[in-house]
Amino acid sequence: METTSGNLASALKIEPGITAIIGSGGKSTLLKMLGLELMRGGGRVLLCTTTHMLPVAGVPWDGSSRRLDAAPWKPSASHVPGCTCEACAGLARGSICQAGVLDPEAGKLSAPAEPLNELAQRFDYVLAEADGSKRLPLKAHAAWEPVIPSGTANIVWIVGASGLGKPINEAVHRPELFCERCGCELTDIATPERVAQVLNAEMQALKLSTARVMLNQVNTLSDPAMADRFEATFGRPVIATSLK
């Protein structure tokens, strides 16, 4: 198992274009860390979602550092007079912003008004959080998930190791679907083998065999061997990490 504490883009083999981040147990953290890393490497980076997400703290959405509390950006309109973000005028290299339509009541962003494949023509990297997990470390995907944009170059599937060894009904988003896919009960334990079995089944059903799998939160494991058990049952290379 490959372990990384830095250089995420290299470990995940991120190529320019659209990257969809799916799964559970650290998507938002990975979105921000990967975006900042690519920015520091000179890339023009856009953070967004294809579903819903909280705005990424500390990342400008309008070319400035002000809070995300103004009207949402619309195509062909500047966020604010003098805005310099890519969606308005073109970012300088080594820059980052986020885009999306803000729901002021929920405080969450939905997908940008402009299609991601068009935004990708103006950015080096478009990083999109492409499903939800209710802040649980593990999940099973419903029929409408994940929402992966057309023309996506990279898919990163993240799994939260903090859910390993816990009851399925406590650690899994959509536990009923999880149990259907590995033949167990809601009160059974989310063993590394069961989690790997569900992941394999979903990868096959969704035709996402090229996704790169990251096991996050490995520092939470009471038994480090769980990570190796997960990779052994999964049968493909896994990147282990503990994002901060």
Protein backbone atom coordinates (compact mmCIF):
# COMPACT_ATOMS: atom_id res chain seq x y z
CA MET A 1 0.00 0.00 0.00
CA GLU A 2 1.33 3.41 -0.99
CA THR A 3 1.32 5.94 1.84
CA THR A 4 1.48 9.68 1.31
CA SER A 5 1.46 12.71 3.57
CA GLY A 6 2.08 15.23 0.80
CA ASN A 7 2.33 15.67 -2.96
CA LEU A 8 -1.25 14.52 -3.41
CA ALA A 9 -1.40 15.41 -7.10
CA SER A 10 1.53 13.13 -7.85
CA ALA A 11 0.24 10.26 -5.70
CA LEU A 12 -3.20 10.50 -7.33
CA LYS A 13 -1.77 11.05 -10.83
CA ILE A 14 -3.90 14.16 -11.34
CA GLU A 15 -3.88 15.39 -14.93
CA PRO A 16 -5.15 18.80 -16.11
CA GLY A 17 -8.88 19.02 -16.71
CA ILE A 18 -11.82 18.03 -14.54
CA THR A 19 -11.27 15.94 -11.41
CA ALA A 20 -14.33 14.41 -9.71
CA ILE A 21 -13.91 13.60 -6.02
CA ILE A 22 -16.40 11.02 -4.78
CA GLY A 23 -16.95 8.74 -1.78
CA SER A 24 -16.82 9.71 1.87
CA GLY A 25 -14.50 10.52 4.73
CA GLY A 26 -12.65 13.62 3.57
CA LYS A 27 -13.87 14.85 0.17
CA SER A 28 -14.01 18.51 1.16
CA THR A 29 -10.61 18.37 2.85
CA LEU A 30 -9.07 16.70 -0.19
CA LEU A 31 -10.73 19.24 -2.49
CA LYS A 32 -9.08 22.14 -0.67
CA MET A 33 -5.69 20.51 -0.04
CA LEU A 34 -5.35 19.30 -3.62
CA GLY A 35 -6.50 22.65 -4.99
CA LEU A 36 -3.97 24.61 -2.92
CA GLU A 37 -1.21 22.20 -3.89
CA LEU A 38 -1.97 22.59 -7.60
CA MET A 39 -2.20 26.36 -7.17
CA ARG A 40 1.21 26.50 -5.49
CA GLY A 41 2.55 24.52 -8.44
CA GLY A 42 1.47 27.33 -10.76
CA GLY A 43 -1.92 25.99 -11.80
CA ARG A 44 -5.11 27.94 -12.35
CA VAL A 45 -7.58 26.08 -10.13
CA LEU A 46 -11.35 26.15 -9.74
CA LEU A 47 -13.14 24.42 -6.85
CA CYS A 48 -16.82 23.55 -7.24
CA THR A 49 -19.45 20.84 -6.83
CA THR A 50 -21.87 18.95 -9.06
CA THR A 51 -24.29 18.49 -6.15
CA HIS A 52 -24.11 20.63 -2.99
CA MET A 53 -21.27 21.59 -0.69
CA LEU A 54 -20.35 24.16 1.92
CA PRO A 55 -18.12 26.94 0.54
CA VAL A 56 -14.43 26.16 0.96
CA ALA A 57 -13.13 28.30 3.80
CA GLY A 58 -10.31 30.65 2.89
CA VAL A 59 -10.73 30.30 -0.89
CA PRO A 60 -12.04 33.38 -2.73
CA TRP A 61 -15.17 32.99 -4.78
CA ASP A 62 -15.09 36.38 -6.47
CA GLY A 63 -11.41 37.17 -6.92
CA SER A 64 -11.15 38.72 -3.46
CA SER A 65 -10.92 37.48 0.10
CA ARG A 66 -14.38 38.66 1.13
CA ARG A 67 -16.97 36.30 2.59
CA LEU A 68 -19.28 34.31 0.35
CA ASP A 69 -22.37 36.33 1.22
CA ALA A 70 -23.24 38.21 -1.95
CA ALA A 71 -25.50 37.28 -4.85
CA PRO A 72 -24.36 34.24 -6.81
CA TRP A 73 -22.30 34.70 -9.93
CA LYS A 74 -24.12 34.45 -13.25
CA PRO A 75 -22.59 33.80 -16.68
CA SER A 76 -21.31 36.90 -18.47
CA ALA A 77 -21.50 38.96 -15.28
CA SER A 78 -18.66 39.92 -12.97
CA HIS A 79 -18.88 38.84 -9.35
CA VAL A 80 -18.02 42.41 -8.34
CA PRO A 81 -16.58 45.37 -10.23
CA GLY A 82 -12.92 44.75 -10.88
CA CYS A 83 -13.10 41.03 -10.14
CA THR A 84 -10.03 39.19 -11.43
CA CYS A 85 -11.08 35.55 -11.03
CA GLU A 86 -11.03 33.26 -14.06
CA ALA A 87 -14.81 33.09 -14.33
CA CYS A 88 -14.81 36.86 -14.93
CA ALA A 89 -11.57 37.94 -16.50
CA GLY A 90 -8.86 35.30 -16.30
CA LEU A 91 -6.76 34.21 -13.38
CA ALA A 92 -3.02 34.66 -13.26
CA ARG A 93 -1.08 31.44 -12.97
CA GLY A 94 -0.86 30.10 -9.44
CA SER A 95 -4.37 31.20 -8.46
CA ILE A 96 -7.49 29.57 -7.04
CA CYS A 97 -11.17 30.43 -6.71
CA GLN A 98 -14.49 28.66 -6.25
CA ALA A 99 -17.72 28.98 -8.19
CA GLY A 100 -21.31 27.91 -7.71
CA VAL A 101 -24.81 29.14 -7.04
CA LEU A 102 -25.26 29.99 -3.38
CA ASP A 103 -28.37 29.03 -1.44
CA PRO A 104 -28.37 31.76 1.22
CA GLU A 105 -30.68 29.80 3.53
CA ALA A 106 -28.72 26.54 3.50
CA GLY A 107 -25.38 28.31 3.09
CA LYS A 108 -24.34 25.80 0.44
CA LEU A 109 -23.14 26.01 -3.13
CA SER A 110 -24.68 24.05 -5.97
CA ALA A 111 -23.10 23.54 -9.39
CA PRO A 112 -21.79 26.59 -11.26
CA ALA A 113 -24.19 28.15 -13.73
CA GLU A 114 -21.69 27.57 -16.53
CA PRO A 115 -21.10 23.93 -17.60
CA LEU A 116 -17.92 22.48 -16.14
CA ASN A 117 -16.57 21.41 -19.51
CA GLU A 118 -16.67 25.07 -20.56
CA LEU A 119 -15.03 26.23 -17.35
CA ALA A 120 -12.34 23.60 -17.89
CA GLN A 121 -11.31 25.40 -21.06
CA ARG A 122 -10.23 28.39 -18.97
CA PHE A 123 -8.73 26.62 -15.96
CA ASP A 124 -5.85 24.19 -15.72
CA TYR A 125 -7.71 22.19 -13.06
CA VAL A 126 -11.40 22.02 -12.15
CA LEU A 127 -11.88 20.06 -8.93
CA ALA A 128 -15.49 19.03 -8.30
CA GLU A 129 -16.99 17.38 -5.24
CA ALA A 130 -19.37 14.98 -6.95
CA ASP A 131 -21.53 13.37 -4.26
CA GLY A 132 -22.55 13.69 -0.62
CA SER A 133 -22.05 11.52 2.47
CA LYS A 134 -23.77 13.35 5.36
CA ARG A 135 -20.34 13.69 7.03
CA LEU A 136 -20.13 9.94 7.58
CA PRO A 137 -16.87 8.08 6.85
CA LEU A 138 -18.41 5.40 4.61
CA LYS A 139 -21.21 5.35 2.06
CA ALA A 140 -23.08 3.40 -0.58
CA HIS A 141 -24.16 5.20 -3.74
CA ALA A 142 -27.79 5.63 -4.75
CA ALA A 143 -28.84 5.20 -8.37
CA TRP A 144 -28.39 8.91 -9.15
CA GLU A 145 -24.88 9.11 -7.70
CA PRO A 146 -22.17 10.12 -8.21
CA VAL A 147 -22.76 13.11 -10.49
CA ILE A 148 -19.62 12.98 -12.62
CA PRO A 149 -19.30 15.68 -15.31
CA SER A 150 -18.79 14.72 -18.93
CA GLY A 151 -15.21 14.94 -20.01
CA THR A 152 -13.84 14.18 -16.55
CA ALA A 153 -10.11 13.42 -16.68
CA ASN A 154 -9.59 12.08 -13.13
CA ILE A 155 -11.80 10.36 -10.56
CA VAL A 156 -10.67 10.08 -6.94
CA TRP A 157 -12.71 7.75 -4.73
CA ILE A 158 -12.09 8.44 -1.06
CA VAL A 159 -12.89 6.03 1.78
CA GLY A 160 -12.89 7.03 5.45
CA ALA A 161 -10.89 4.57 7.52
CA SER A 162 -12.49 5.88 10.71
CA GLY A 163 -15.59 3.88 9.77
CA LEU A 164 -13.76 0.54 9.69
CA GLY A 165 -14.63 -1.64 12.66
CA LYS A 166 -17.80 0.29 13.50
CA PRO A 167 -21.43 -0.83 13.14
CA ILE A 168 -22.72 -0.24 9.62
CA ASN A 169 -25.75 1.69 10.81
CA GLU A 170 -23.47 4.17 12.60
CA ALA A 171 -20.70 4.64 10.06
CA VAL A 172 -22.35 4.37 6.63
CA HIS A 173 -24.43 6.82 4.62
CA ARG A 174 -27.27 4.79 3.05
CA PRO A 175 -26.54 1.70 5.16
CA GLU A 176 -29.39 -0.29 3.62
CA LEU A 177 -27.79 -0.09 0.19
CA PHE A 178 -24.43 -1.01 1.70
CA CYS A 179 -25.92 -4.14 3.28
CA GLU A 180 -27.61 -5.14 0.03
CA ARG A 181 -24.25 -5.08 -1.72
CA CYS A 182 -22.35 -7.19 0.77
CA GLY A 183 -25.10 -9.42 2.20
CA CYS A 184 -25.08 -8.33 5.83
CA GLU A 185 -27.25 -6.68 8.48
CA LEU A 186 -27.39 -3.05 9.60
CA THR A 187 -25.98 -3.94 13.01
CA ASP A 188 -23.03 -5.87 11.55
CA ILE A 189 -19.54 -4.39 11.57
CA ALA A 190 -18.13 -2.45 8.62
CA THR A 191 -15.10 -4.69 8.26
CA PRO A 192 -12.37 -3.85 5.75
CA GLU A 193 -13.51 -6.83 3.71
CA ARG A 194 -17.13 -5.67 3.53
CA VAL A 195 -16.15 -2.11 2.64
CA ALA A 196 -13.85 -3.40 -0.12
CA GLN A 197 -16.59 -5.71 -1.40
CA VAL A 198 -19.06 -2.83 -1.67
CA LEU A 199 -16.46 -0.63 -3.34
CA ASN A 200 -15.68 -3.30 -5.92
CA ALA A 201 -19.38 -3.87 -6.64
CA GLU A 202 -20.01 -0.17 -7.13
CA MET A 203 -16.93 0.36 -9.28
CA GLN A 204 -18.12 -2.41 -11.58
CA ALA A 205 -21.74 -1.20 -11.68
CA LEU A 206 -20.76 2.43 -12.30
CA LYS A 207 -17.98 1.51 -14.74
CA LEU A 208 -15.44 3.51 -12.73
CA SER A 209 -12.61 1.00 -12.66
CA THR A 210 -10.07 3.72 -13.49
CA ALA A 211 -10.84 5.70 -10.31
CA ARG A 212 -7.90 6.12 -7.91
CA VAL A 213 -8.81 5.00 -4.41
CA MET A 214 -7.60 6.86 -1.33
CA LEU A 215 -8.05 5.43 2.16
CA ASN A 216 -8.13 8.49 4.40
CA GLN A 217 -8.02 8.76 8.21
CA VAL A 218 -5.64 5.82 8.62
CA ASN A 219 -4.31 7.48 11.76
CA THR A 220 -7.64 6.63 13.43
CA LEU A 221 -7.27 2.86 13.00
CA SER A 222 -6.92 0.93 16.25
CA ASP A 223 -5.41 -1.89 14.19
CA PRO A 224 -3.20 -0.65 11.33
CA ALA A 225 -3.56 -4.05 9.66
CA MET A 226 -7.10 -3.04 8.68
CA ALA A 227 -5.68 -0.89 5.90
CA ASP A 228 -3.78 -3.85 4.44
CA ARG A 229 -6.86 -6.06 4.77
CA PHE A 230 -8.89 -3.50 2.86
CA GLU A 231 -6.37 -3.32 0.02
CA ALA A 232 -5.96 -7.11 -0.11
CA THR A 233 -9.70 -7.67 -0.51
CA PHE A 234 -10.11 -4.75 -2.87
CA GLY A 235 -7.42 -6.23 -5.09
CA ARG A 236 -6.09 -2.96 -6.50
CA PRO A 237 -3.54 -0.36 -5.35
CA VAL A 238 -4.77 1.99 -2.61
CA ILE A 239 -3.22 5.25 -1.44
CA ALA A 240 -3.27 5.57 2.37
CA THR A 241 -3.19 8.93 4.08
CA SER A 242 -4.52 11.09 6.91
CA LEU A 243 -5.58 14.44 5.51
CA LYS A 244 -5.50 17.38 7.91
